[in-house]
C-alpha atoms as a PDB file:
ATOM      1  CA  MET A   1     -16.278  20.975  -3.705  1.00  0.00           C
ATOM      2  CA  SER A   2     -18.561  23.532  -2.117  1.00  0.00           C
ATOM      3  CA  GLN A   3     -21.512  24.170  -4.443  1.00  0.00           C
ATOM      4  CA  ARG A   4     -22.375  27.479  -2.803  1.00  0.00           C
ATOM      5  CA  THR A   5     -21.439  30.902  -4.081  1.00  0.00           C
ATOM      6  CA  PHE A   6     -20.284  33.108  -1.238  1.00  0.00           C
ATOM      7  CA  GLU A   7     -20.484  36.843  -0.789  1.00  0.00           C
ATOM      8  CA  THR A   8     -16.877  37.949  -0.378  1.00  0.00           C
ATOM      9  CA  THR A   9     -14.759  40.658   1.170  1.00  0.00           C
ATOM     10  CA  SER A  10     -11.188  41.792   0.514  1.00  0.00           C
ATOM     11  CA  TYR A  11      -8.948  43.786   2.824  1.00  0.00           C
ATOM     12  CA  ARG A  12      -5.325  44.879   3.024  1.00  0.00           C
ATOM     13  CA  VAL A  13      -2.888  43.501   5.577  1.00  0.00           C
ATOM     14  CA  LYS A  14       0.740  43.997   6.604  1.00  0.00           C
ATOM     15  CA  PHE A  15       3.124  41.507   8.166  1.00  0.00           C
ATOM     16  CA  ALA A  16       6.859  41.031   8.671  1.00  0.00           C
ATOM     17  CA  ASP A  17       9.022  39.627   5.894  1.00  0.00           C
ATOM     18  CA  GLY A  18      11.171  36.539   6.289  1.00  0.00           C
ATOM     19  CA  THR A  19      14.013  38.479   7.948  1.00  0.00           C
ATOM     20  CA  GLY A  20      11.880  40.641  10.210  1.00  0.00           C
ATOM     21  CA  GLN A  21      13.396  43.801   8.676  1.00  0.00           C
ATOM     22  CA  TYR A  22      10.576  44.898   6.389  1.00  0.00           C
ATOM     23  CA  GLN A  23       6.804  44.950   6.180  1.00  0.00           C
ATOM     24  CA  LEU A  24       5.166  42.968   3.395  1.00  0.00           C
ATOM     25  CA  ALA A  25       1.874  44.048   1.840  1.00  0.00           C
ATOM     26  CA  GLY A  26      -0.910  41.547   1.367  1.00  0.00           C
ATOM     27  CA  ILE A  27      -4.589  41.263   0.541  1.00  0.00           C
ATOM     28  CA  VAL A  28      -6.975  38.745   2.044  1.00  0.00           C
ATOM     29  CA  ASP A  29      -9.831  37.569  -0.173  1.00  0.00           C
ATOM     30  CA  ARG A  30     -12.385  35.504   1.749  1.00  0.00           C
ATOM     31  CA  PRO A  31     -16.080  34.864   2.300  1.00  0.00           C
ATOM     32  CA  LYS A  32     -17.675  37.708   4.290  1.00  0.00           C
ATOM     33  CA  THR A  33     -18.767  35.320   7.000  1.00  0.00           C
ATOM     34  CA  TRP A  34     -15.644  33.580   8.187  1.00  0.00           C
ATOM     35  CA  THR A  35     -14.632  31.759  11.332  1.00  0.00           C
ATOM     36  CA  ALA A  36     -11.030  30.604  11.194  1.00  0.00           C
ATOM     37  CA  GLY A  37     -10.892  26.992  10.072  1.00  0.00           C
ATOM     38  CA  GLU A  38     -14.649  26.515   9.798  1.00  0.00           C
ATOM     39  CA  GLU A  39     -17.363  26.843   7.167  1.00  0.00           C
ATOM     40  CA  ASP A  40     -20.989  25.908   7.785  1.00  0.00           C
ATOM     41  CA  GLY A  41     -22.080  22.672   6.171  1.00  0.00           C
ATOM     42  CA  ASP A  42     -18.761  21.669   4.664  1.00  0.00           C
ATOM     43  CA  GLY A  43     -16.485  21.111   7.633  1.00  0.00           C
ATOM     44  CA  ASN A  44     -13.107  22.819   7.678  1.00  0.00           C
ATOM     45  CA  ALA A  45     -12.815  25.302   4.819  1.00  0.00           C
ATOM     46  CA  PRO A  46      -9.571  25.597   2.806  1.00  0.00           C
ATOM     47  CA  VAL A  47      -7.069  28.373   3.476  1.00  0.00           C
ATOM     48  CA  VAL A  48      -4.625  29.196   0.673  1.00  0.00           C
ATOM     49  CA  VAL A  49      -1.521  31.373   0.260  1.00  0.00           C
ATOM     50  CA  PHE A  50      -0.916  32.680  -3.276  1.00  0.00           C
ATOM     51  CA  SER A  51       2.614  33.579  -4.515  1.00  0.00           C
ATOM     52  CA  HIS A  52       3.082  35.809  -7.563  1.00  0.00           C
ATOM     53  CA  CYS A  53       5.512  35.544 -10.489  1.00  0.00           C
ATOM     54  CA  PHE A  54       9.004  37.087 -10.783  1.00  0.00           C
ATOM     55  CA  THR A  55       8.831  40.941 -10.691  1.00  0.00           C
ATOM     56  CA  CYS A  56       5.018  40.687 -10.511  1.00  0.00           C
ATOM     57  CA  SER A  57       2.762  41.533  -7.578  1.00  0.00           C
ATOM     58  CA  LYS A  58      -0.387  40.464  -5.784  1.00  0.00           C
ATOM     59  CA  ASP A  59      -2.283  42.934  -7.993  1.00  0.00           C
ATOM     60  CA  LEU A  60      -1.575  41.190 -11.300  1.00  0.00           C
ATOM     61  CA  LYS A  61      -4.903  40.594 -13.054  1.00  0.00           C
ATOM     62  CA  ALA A  62      -4.486  36.810 -13.002  1.00  0.00           C
ATOM     63  CA  ALA A  63      -3.742  36.788  -9.259  1.00  0.00           C
ATOM     64  CA  VAL A  64      -6.705  39.018  -8.443  1.00  0.00           C
ATOM     65  CA  ARG A  65      -9.190  37.078 -10.569  1.00  0.00           C
ATOM     66  CA  ILE A  66      -8.079  33.658  -9.356  1.00  0.00           C
ATOM     67  CA  CYS A  67      -7.998  34.584  -5.670  1.00  0.00           C
ATOM     68  CA  ARG A  68     -11.404  36.251  -5.826  1.00  0.00           C
ATOM     69  CA  ALA A  69     -12.817  33.192  -7.595  1.00  0.00           C
ATOM     70  CA  LEU A  70     -11.503  30.995  -4.784  1.00  0.00           C
ATOM     71  CA  ALA A  71     -13.093  33.286  -2.194  1.00  0.00           C
ATOM     72  CA  LYS A  72     -16.461  33.040  -3.969  1.00  0.00           C
ATOM     73  CA  SER A  73     -16.271  29.267  -3.600  1.00  0.00           C
ATOM     74  CA  GLY A  74     -15.763  29.525   0.165  1.00  0.00           C
ATOM     75  CA  ILE A  75     -11.956  29.548   0.326  1.00  0.00           C
ATOM     76  CA  ALA A  76      -9.887  32.128   2.225  1.00  0.00           C
ATOM     77  CA  VAL A  77      -6.815  33.366   0.353  1.00  0.00           C
ATOM     78  CA  LEU A  78      -3.835  35.520   1.246  1.00  0.00           C
ATOM     79  CA  ARG A  79      -1.999  37.020  -1.741  1.00  0.00           C
ATOM     80  CA  PHE A  80       1.050  39.123  -0.985  1.00  0.00           C
ATOM     81  CA  ASP A  81       3.993  41.039  -2.455  1.00  0.00           C
ATOM     82  CA  MET A  82       7.500  39.645  -2.055  1.00  0.00           C
ATOM     83  CA  THR A  83      10.243  41.908  -0.667  1.00  0.00           C
ATOM     84  CA  GLY A  84      10.750  45.075  -2.727  1.00  0.00           C
ATOM     85  CA  LEU A  85       7.759  44.484  -5.014  1.00  0.00           C
ATOM     86  CA  GLY A  86       4.287  46.026  -5.157  1.00  0.00           C
ATOM     87  CA  GLY A  87       3.420  47.553  -1.809  1.00  0.00           C
ATOM     88  CA  SER A  88       6.093  45.711   0.174  1.00  0.00           C
ATOM     89  CA  GLU A  89       9.142  47.331   1.712  1.00  0.00           C
ATOM     90  CA  GLY A  90      12.724  46.391   0.926  1.00  0.00           C
ATOM     91  CA  ASP A  91      15.145  46.460  -2.011  1.00  0.00           C
ATOM     92  CA  PHE A  92      14.176  44.070  -4.791  1.00  0.00           C
ATOM     93  CA  SER A  93      17.744  43.970  -6.134  1.00  0.00           C
ATOM     94  CA  GLN A  94      18.890  42.445  -2.837  1.00  0.00           C
ATOM     95  CA  SER A  95      16.222  39.759  -2.867  1.00  0.00           C
ATOM     96  CA  ASN A  96      16.636  36.248  -4.287  1.00  0.00           C
ATOM     97  CA  PHE A  97      15.027  32.804  -4.205  1.00  0.00           C
ATOM     98  CA  SER A  98      16.078  32.301  -0.585  1.00  0.00           C
ATOM     99  CA  THR A  99      14.328  35.519   0.479  1.00  0.00           C
ATOM    100  CA  ASN A 100      11.282  34.497  -1.590  1.00  0.00           C
ATOM    101  CA  LEU A 101      11.094  31.247   0.371  1.00  0.00           C
ATOM    102  CA  ALA A 102      11.490  33.121   3.660  1.00  0.00           C
ATOM    103  CA  ASP A 103       8.769  35.611   2.668  1.00  0.00           C
ATOM    104  CA  LEU A 104       6.417  32.765   1.743  1.00  0.00           C
ATOM    105  CA  ALA A 105       7.059  31.066   5.089  1.00  0.00           C
ATOM    106  CA  SER A 106       6.251  34.354   6.846  1.00  0.00           C
ATOM    107  CA  ALA A 107       3.069  34.737   4.789  1.00  0.00           C
ATOM    108  CA  ILE A 108       2.001  31.225   5.801  1.00  0.00           C
ATOM    109  CA  ARG A 109       2.505  32.041   9.479  1.00  0.00           C
ATOM    110  CA  PHE A 110       0.462  35.219   9.109  1.00  0.00           C
ATOM    111  CA  ALA A 111      -2.311  33.451   7.185  1.00  0.00           C
ATOM    112  CA  LYS A 112      -2.565  30.816   9.901  1.00  0.00           C
ATOM    113  CA  SER A 113      -2.970  33.474  12.598  1.00  0.00           C
ATOM    114  CA  GLU A 114      -5.438  35.495  10.515  1.00  0.00           C
ATOM    115  CA  LEU A 115      -7.512  32.804   8.797  1.00  0.00           C
ATOM    116  CA  GLY A 116      -6.734  29.393  10.265  1.00  0.00           C
ATOM    117  CA  THR A 117      -4.689  26.355   9.251  1.00  0.00           C
ATOM    118  CA  VAL A 118      -3.168  26.771   5.770  1.00  0.00           C
ATOM    119  CA  THR A 119      -4.222  23.813   3.628  1.00  0.00           C
ATOM    120  CA  GLY A 120      -3.029  24.890   0.174  1.00  0.00           C
ATOM    121  CA  LEU A 121      -0.326  26.786  -1.682  1.00  0.00           C
ATOM    122  CA  VAL A 122      -0.889  28.300  -5.130  1.00  0.00           C
ATOM    123  CA  GLY A 123       1.950  29.857  -7.100  1.00  0.00           C
ATOM    124  CA  HIS A 124       2.311  31.537 -10.489  1.00  0.00           C
ATOM    125  CA  SER A 125       5.564  31.017 -12.433  1.00  0.00           C
ATOM    126  CA  PHE A 126       8.497  31.662 -10.047  1.00  0.00           C
ATOM    127  CA  GLY A 127       5.968  31.735  -7.228  1.00  0.00           C
ATOM    128  CA  GLY A 128       5.000  28.238  -8.323  1.00  0.00           C
ATOM    129  CA  ILE A 129       8.445  26.746  -7.824  1.00  0.00           C
ATOM    130  CA  ALA A 130       8.703  28.614  -4.506  1.00  0.00           C
ATOM    131  CA  SER A 131       5.426  26.983  -3.448  1.00  0.00           C
ATOM    132  CA  LEU A 132       6.666  23.529  -4.454  1.00  0.00           C
ATOM    133  CA  VAL A 133       9.994  23.877  -2.633  1.00  0.00           C
ATOM    134  CA  THR A 134       8.164  25.186   0.449  1.00  0.00           C
ATOM    135  CA  ALA A 135       5.862  22.159   0.367  1.00  0.00           C
ATOM    136  CA  ALA A 136       8.860  19.840   0.061  1.00  0.00           C
ATOM    137  CA  ARG A 137      10.576  21.453   3.042  1.00  0.00           C
ATOM    138  CA  ALA A 138       7.382  21.323   5.072  1.00  0.00           C
ATOM    139  CA  HIS A 139       7.269  17.573   4.557  1.00  0.00           C
ATOM    140  CA  GLN A 140      10.813  17.087   5.820  1.00  0.00           C
ATOM    141  CA  ALA A 141      10.753  16.400   9.537  1.00  0.00           C
ATOM    142  CA  SER A 142      14.056  18.265   9.932  1.00  0.00           C
ATOM    143  CA  ASP A 143      12.589  21.635   8.862  1.00  0.00           C
ATOM    144  CA  HIS A 144      10.982  22.983  12.029  1.00  0.00           C
ATOM    145  CA  HIS A 145      10.618  26.473  10.526  1.00  0.00           C
ATOM    146  CA  LEU A 146       7.626  25.264   8.491  1.00  0.00           C
ATOM    147  CA  ALA A 147       5.694  23.572  11.282  1.00  0.00           C
ATOM    148  CA  ASP A 148       2.748  25.805  10.335  1.00  0.00           C
ATOM    149  CA  LEU A 149       2.387  23.705   7.156  1.00  0.00           C
ATOM    150  CA  ALA A 150       1.972  20.398   8.948  1.00  0.00           C
ATOM    151  CA  ASP A 151      -1.564  20.108   7.541  1.00  0.00           C
ATOM    152  CA  LEU A 152      -0.754  21.174   3.972  1.00  0.00           C
ATOM    153  CA  SER A 153      -3.035  19.151   1.714  1.00  0.00           C
ATOM    154  CA  MET A 154      -2.404  20.447  -1.832  1.00  0.00           C
ATOM    155  CA  VAL A 155      -0.253  22.625  -4.092  1.00  0.00           C
ATOM    156  CA  ALA A 156      -1.252  24.140  -7.430  1.00  0.00           C
ATOM    157  CA  THR A 157       1.115  25.879  -9.843  1.00  0.00           C
ATOM    158  CA  LEU A 158       0.581  28.032 -12.917  1.00  0.00           C
ATOM    159  CA  ALA A 159       3.302  28.105 -15.578  1.00  0.00           C
ATOM    160  CA  ALA A 160       5.948  27.137 -13.028  1.00  0.00           C
ATOM    161  CA  PRO A 161       9.588  26.485 -13.966  1.00  0.00           C
ATOM    162  CA  SER A 162      11.139  23.188 -12.898  1.00  0.00           C
ATOM    163  CA  ASP A 163      14.064  24.864 -11.117  1.00  0.00           C
ATOM    164  CA  SER A 164      15.340  28.253 -10.010  1.00  0.00           C
ATOM    165  CA  ALA A 165      18.586  28.166 -11.982  1.00  0.00           C
ATOM    166  CA  HIS A 166      16.983  28.635 -15.398  1.00  0.00           C
ATOM    167  CA  LEU A 167      16.039  32.221 -14.479  1.00  0.00           C
ATOM    168  CA  ALA A 168      19.694  33.021 -13.794  1.00  0.00           C
ATOM    169  CA  VAL A 169      20.546  31.868 -17.326  1.00  0.00           C
ATOM    170  CA  LEU A 170      17.793  33.990 -18.871  1.00  0.00           C
ATOM    171  CA  LEU A 171      18.713  37.129 -16.936  1.00  0.00           C
ATOM    172  CA  GLU A 172      22.420  36.773 -17.708  1.00  0.00           C
ATOM    173  CA  LYS A 173      21.617  36.487 -21.412  1.00  0.00           C
ATOM    174  CA  MET A 174      19.542  39.664 -21.184  1.00  0.00           C
ATOM    175  CA  ASN A 175      22.469  41.571 -19.660  1.00  0.00           C
ATOM    176  CA  PRO A 176      25.904  39.878 -19.222  1.00  0.00           C
ATOM    177  CA  ALA A 177      27.019  42.841 -17.077  1.00  0.00           C
ATOM    178  CA  ILE A 178      25.101  41.323 -14.174  1.00  0.00           C
ATOM    179  CA  ASN A 179      27.868  38.749 -13.770  1.00  0.00           C
ATOM    180  CA  THR A 180      30.830  40.728 -15.043  1.00  0.00           C
ATOM    181  CA  GLU A 181      30.111  43.958 -13.159  1.00  0.00           C
ATOM    182  CA  GLY A 182      28.027  42.724 -10.230  1.00  0.00           C
ATOM    183  CA  SER A 183      24.728  44.209 -11.371  1.00  0.00           C
ATOM    184  CA  GLY A 184      22.849  45.233 -14.481  1.00  0.00           C
ATOM    185  CA  VAL A 185      19.496  46.533 -15.681  1.00  0.00           C
ATOM    186  CA  VAL A 186      17.022  44.396 -17.613  1.00  0.00           C
ATOM    187  CA  SER A 187      13.612  45.216 -19.040  1.00  0.00           C
ATOM    188  CA  ILE A 188      10.762  42.938 -17.945  1.00  0.00           C
ATOM    189  CA  GLY A 189       7.192  43.802 -18.814  1.00  0.00           C
ATOM    190  CA  GLY A 190       8.306  47.240 -19.992  1.00  0.00           C
ATOM    191  CA  ILE A 191       9.821  48.078 -16.591  1.00  0.00           C
ATOM    192  CA  GLN A 192      13.533  48.466 -15.852  1.00  0.00           C
ATOM    193  CA  TRP A 193      14.801  46.224 -13.055  1.00  0.00           C
ATOM    194  CA  THR A 194      18.213  46.172 -11.402  1.00  0.00           C
ATOM    195  CA  ILE A 195      19.407  42.578 -11.146  1.00  0.00           C
ATOM    196  CA  THR A 196      22.452  41.706  -9.021  1.00  0.00           C
ATOM    197  CA  LYS A 197      25.001  38.911  -9.254  1.00  0.00           C
ATOM    198  CA  GLN A 198      24.098  37.730  -5.750  1.00  0.00           C
ATOM    199  CA  MET A 199      20.573  37.122  -7.006  1.00  0.00           C
ATOM    200  CA  LEU A 200      21.773  34.922  -9.879  1.00  0.00           C
ATOM    201  CA  ASP A 201      24.225  33.085  -7.617  1.00  0.00           C
ATOM    202  CA  ASP A 202      21.402  32.318  -5.206  1.00  0.00           C
ATOM    203  CA  PHE A 203      19.134  31.117  -8.023  1.00  0.00           C
ATOM    204  CA  ARG A 204      21.849  28.660  -9.062  1.00  0.00           C
ATOM    205  CA  SER A 205      22.510  27.416  -5.534  1.00  0.00           C
ATOM    206  CA  HIS A 206      19.171  25.649  -4.989  1.00  0.00           C
ATOM    207  CA  GLN A 207      19.017  21.939  -5.851  1.00  0.00           C
ATOM    208  CA  VAL A 208      15.306  21.921  -6.538  1.00  0.00           C
ATOM    209  CA  ALA A 209      15.228  18.558  -8.330  1.00  0.00           C
ATOM    210  CA  ASP A 210      16.525  16.838  -5.193  1.00  0.00           C
ATOM    211  CA  VAL A 211      13.671  17.976  -2.950  1.00  0.00           C
ATOM    212  CA  LEU A 212      10.602  17.853  -5.195  1.00  0.00           C
ATOM    213  CA  PRO A 213      10.126  14.054  -4.924  1.00  0.00           C
ATOM    214  CA  THR A 214       9.710  14.472  -1.148  1.00  0.00           C
ATOM    215  CA  ILE A 215       6.421  16.370  -1.498  1.00  0.00           C
ATOM    216  CA  GLN A 216       3.705  14.207   0.029  1.00  0.00           C
ATOM    217  CA  CYS A 217       0.534  16.133  -0.833  1.00  0.00           C
ATOM    218  CA  PRO A 218      -1.392  16.202  -4.147  1.00  0.00           C
ATOM    219  CA  VAL A 219      -0.006  18.588  -6.765  1.00  0.00           C
ATOM    220  CA  LEU A 220      -1.842  20.239  -9.653  1.00  0.00           C
ATOM    221  CA  LEU A 221       0.300  21.614 -12.499  1.00  0.00           C
ATOM    222  CA  LEU A 222      -1.288  24.008 -15.002  1.00  0.00           C
ATOM    223  CA  HIS A 223       0.770  25.045 -18.013  1.00  0.00           C
ATOM    224  CA  SER A 224       0.259  26.238 -21.567  1.00  0.00           C
ATOM    225  CA  PRO A 225       1.937  24.308 -24.398  1.00  0.00           C
ATOM    226  CA  VAL A 226       2.567  27.657 -26.141  1.00  0.00           C
ATOM    227  CA  ASP A 227       4.006  29.482 -23.117  1.00  0.00           C
ATOM    228  CA  GLU A 228       6.866  31.567 -24.516  1.00  0.00           C
ATOM    229  CA  THR A 229       8.282  32.541 -21.124  1.00  0.00           C
ATOM    230  CA  VAL A 230       8.492  29.152 -19.387  1.00  0.00           C
ATOM    231  CA  ALA A 231       8.437  26.335 -21.951  1.00  0.00           C
ATOM    232  CA  PHE A 232       6.059  23.390 -21.536  1.00  0.00           C
ATOM    233  CA  ASP A 233       9.110  21.144 -21.085  1.00  0.00           C
ATOM    234  CA  HIS A 234       9.315  22.506 -17.544  1.00  0.00           C
ATOM    235  CA  ALA A 235       5.852  21.150 -16.776  1.00  0.00           C
ATOM    236  CA  LEU A 236       6.812  17.730 -18.102  1.00  0.00           C
ATOM    237  CA  ARG A 237       9.969  17.716 -15.977  1.00  0.00           C
ATOM    238  CA  LEU A 238       8.010  18.743 -12.896  1.00  0.00           C
ATOM    239  CA  MET A 239       5.532  15.953 -13.553  1.00  0.00           C
ATOM    240  CA  SER A 240       8.406  13.460 -13.734  1.00  0.00           C
ATOM    241  CA  LEU A 241      10.147  14.745 -10.589  1.00  0.00           C
ATOM    242  CA  LEU A 242       6.978  14.905  -8.527  1.00  0.00           C
ATOM    243  CA  SER A 243       5.997  11.379  -9.542  1.00  0.00           C
ATOM    244  CA  GLN A 244       9.239   9.876  -8.249  1.00  0.00           C
ATOM    245  CA  SER A 245       9.332   8.043  -4.928  1.00  0.00           C
ATOM    246  CA  PRO A 246      11.195   9.898  -2.167  1.00  0.00           C
ATOM    247  CA  SER A 247      14.451   8.461  -0.962  1.00  0.00           C
ATOM    248  CA  ALA A 248      14.510   6.434   2.261  1.00  0.00           C
ATOM    249  CA  GLU A 249      16.484   9.136   4.093  1.00  0.00           C
ATOM    250  CA  PHE A 250      13.300  11.213   4.456  1.00  0.00           C
ATOM    251  CA  TYR A 251      10.825   8.549   5.552  1.00  0.00           C
ATOM    252  CA  GLY A 252      12.887   5.584   6.753  1.00  0.00           C
ATOM    253  CA  SER A 253      11.898   2.185   5.457  1.00  0.00           C
ATOM    254  CA  THR A 254       8.192   2.953   5.046  1.00  0.00           C
ATOM    255  CA  ARG A 255       7.258   4.050   1.532  1.00  0.00           C
ATOM    256  CA  GLU A 256       4.411   6.513   1.311  1.00  0.00           C
ATOM    257  CA  ALA A 257       1.474   5.834  -0.998  1.00  0.00           C
ATOM    258  CA  ALA A 258       1.772   7.522  -4.368  1.00  0.00           C
ATOM    259  CA  LYS A 259       0.377  11.072  -4.263  1.00  0.00           C
ATOM    260  CA  PRO A 260      -1.919  12.426  -6.997  1.00  0.00           C
ATOM    261  CA  VAL A 261       0.048  14.556  -9.464  1.00  0.00           C
ATOM    262  CA  SER A 262      -1.935  16.037 -12.349  1.00  0.00           C
ATOM    263  CA  LEU A 263      -0.842  18.127 -15.331  1.00  0.00           C
ATOM    264  CA  VAL A 264      -3.500  20.187 -17.091  1.00  0.00           C
ATOM    265  CA  SER A 265      -2.675  21.732 -20.454  1.00  0.00           C
ATOM    266  CA  LEU A 266      -4.010  25.284 -20.818  1.00  0.00           C
ATOM    267  CA  HIS A 267      -4.606  25.283 -24.555  1.00  0.00           C
ATOM    268  CA  GLY A 268      -3.609  28.577 -26.215  1.00  0.00           C
ATOM    269  CA  ALA A 269      -2.984  30.448 -22.965  1.00  0.00           C
ATOM    270  CA  ASP A 270      -0.153  32.956 -22.536  1.00  0.00           C
ATOM    271  CA  HIS A 271       2.228  33.025 -19.571  1.00  0.00           C
ATOM    272  CA  LEU A 272       0.319  35.732 -17.654  1.00  0.00           C
ATOM    273  CA  LEU A 273      -3.119  34.357 -18.615  1.00  0.00           C
ATOM    274  CA  ALA A 274      -3.923  37.805 -20.004  1.00  0.00           C
ATOM    275  CA  SER A 275      -5.122  37.077 -23.546  1.00  0.00           C
ATOM    276  CA  ASN A 276      -8.309  35.116 -22.853  1.00  0.00           C
ATOM    277  CA  PRO A 277     -10.575  35.878 -19.853  1.00  0.00           C
ATOM    278  CA  ASP A 278     -12.018  32.359 -20.076  1.00  0.00           C
ATOM    279  CA  ASP A 279      -8.610  30.946 -19.082  1.00  0.00           C
ATOM    280  CA  LEU A 280      -8.879  32.632 -15.687  1.00  0.00           C
ATOM    281  CA  VAL A 281     -12.415  31.330 -15.165  1.00  0.00           C
ATOM    282  CA  PHE A 282     -11.296  27.788 -15.967  1.00  0.00           C
ATOM    283  CA  VAL A 283      -8.190  27.994 -13.782  1.00  0.00           C
ATOM    284  CA  GLY A 284     -10.115  29.469 -10.847  1.00  0.00           C
ATOM    285  CA  GLU A 285     -12.746  26.720 -10.971  1.00  0.00           C
ATOM    286  CA  LEU A 286     -10.166  23.958 -11.299  1.00  0.00           C
ATOM    287  CA  ILE A 287      -7.983  25.141  -8.417  1.00  0.00           C
ATOM    288  CA  SER A 288     -11.067  25.671  -6.279  1.00  0.00           C
ATOM    289  CA  SER A 289     -12.132  22.076  -6.929  1.00  0.00           C
ATOM    290  CA  TRP A 290      -8.698  20.806  -5.874  1.00  0.00           C
ATOM    291  CA  CYS A 291      -8.700  22.932  -2.732  1.00  0.00           C
ATOM    292  CA  TRP A 292     -12.000  21.437  -1.639  1.00  0.00           C
ATOM    293  CA  ARG A 293     -11.265  17.902  -2.817  1.00  0.00           C
ATOM    294  CA  TYR A 294      -7.967  17.668  -0.941  1.00  0.00           C
ATOM    295  CA  ARG A 295      -8.606  19.948   2.047  1.00  0.00           C
END
């Protein structure tokens, strides 16, 4: 890990979403002195793309604090808003997990052009499972759309669910009209959101458990045992899935060496890491260490 503390800068950016229809809003947090892919004294510096939680944005306190902490340690980070959220264009009600994945892929392409080779993905909650699935697809030779992640060296998740389908179940319980009438309004974080049946159908369509074992890079899972939004059982299931050996169909007869998969329990933390400022300090330092260790 870099032992230096860097003076940082942050600036706003815009880039196309996964469909090319809308502009997504992002913020780059990085050391003030930055040459793409290089950092004096330490070799190639890490470049990270951060994905936010469901209905959240790049401006959530946890996202801001963590990304700025990474920048202070010499890491360049792009955090961005998914379609229809925060400062990004588009209709959130027409988005889904598939569009999230497409937006993340677009963000990775932009980060590579702006900052250099992307070496890490960090995701909070639903952004965490999107980061994991993206890493899995990047490690499948058949997915040429993620060639920009050929050098991906680590993934870190915060309070991530172990699949996308569980969110469909939760949202349907909040308002059954979503399925019976095609759409419905739910309250999340004190804000009213229109949720559509197509969104839930898409959430259910992804076979996440089948692809997670194919991830080849180190994975860091951070989760609170008292998380009331995404239960700790999800972290245990992710640990189990990620520790499995990939099937031969992905890598032929050669079995890859076991990748490091670590689960860190965030004692007493809430889902948004909002109750204790020390949680964000700890998480920022830990992710920074992983970014440098596995760059």
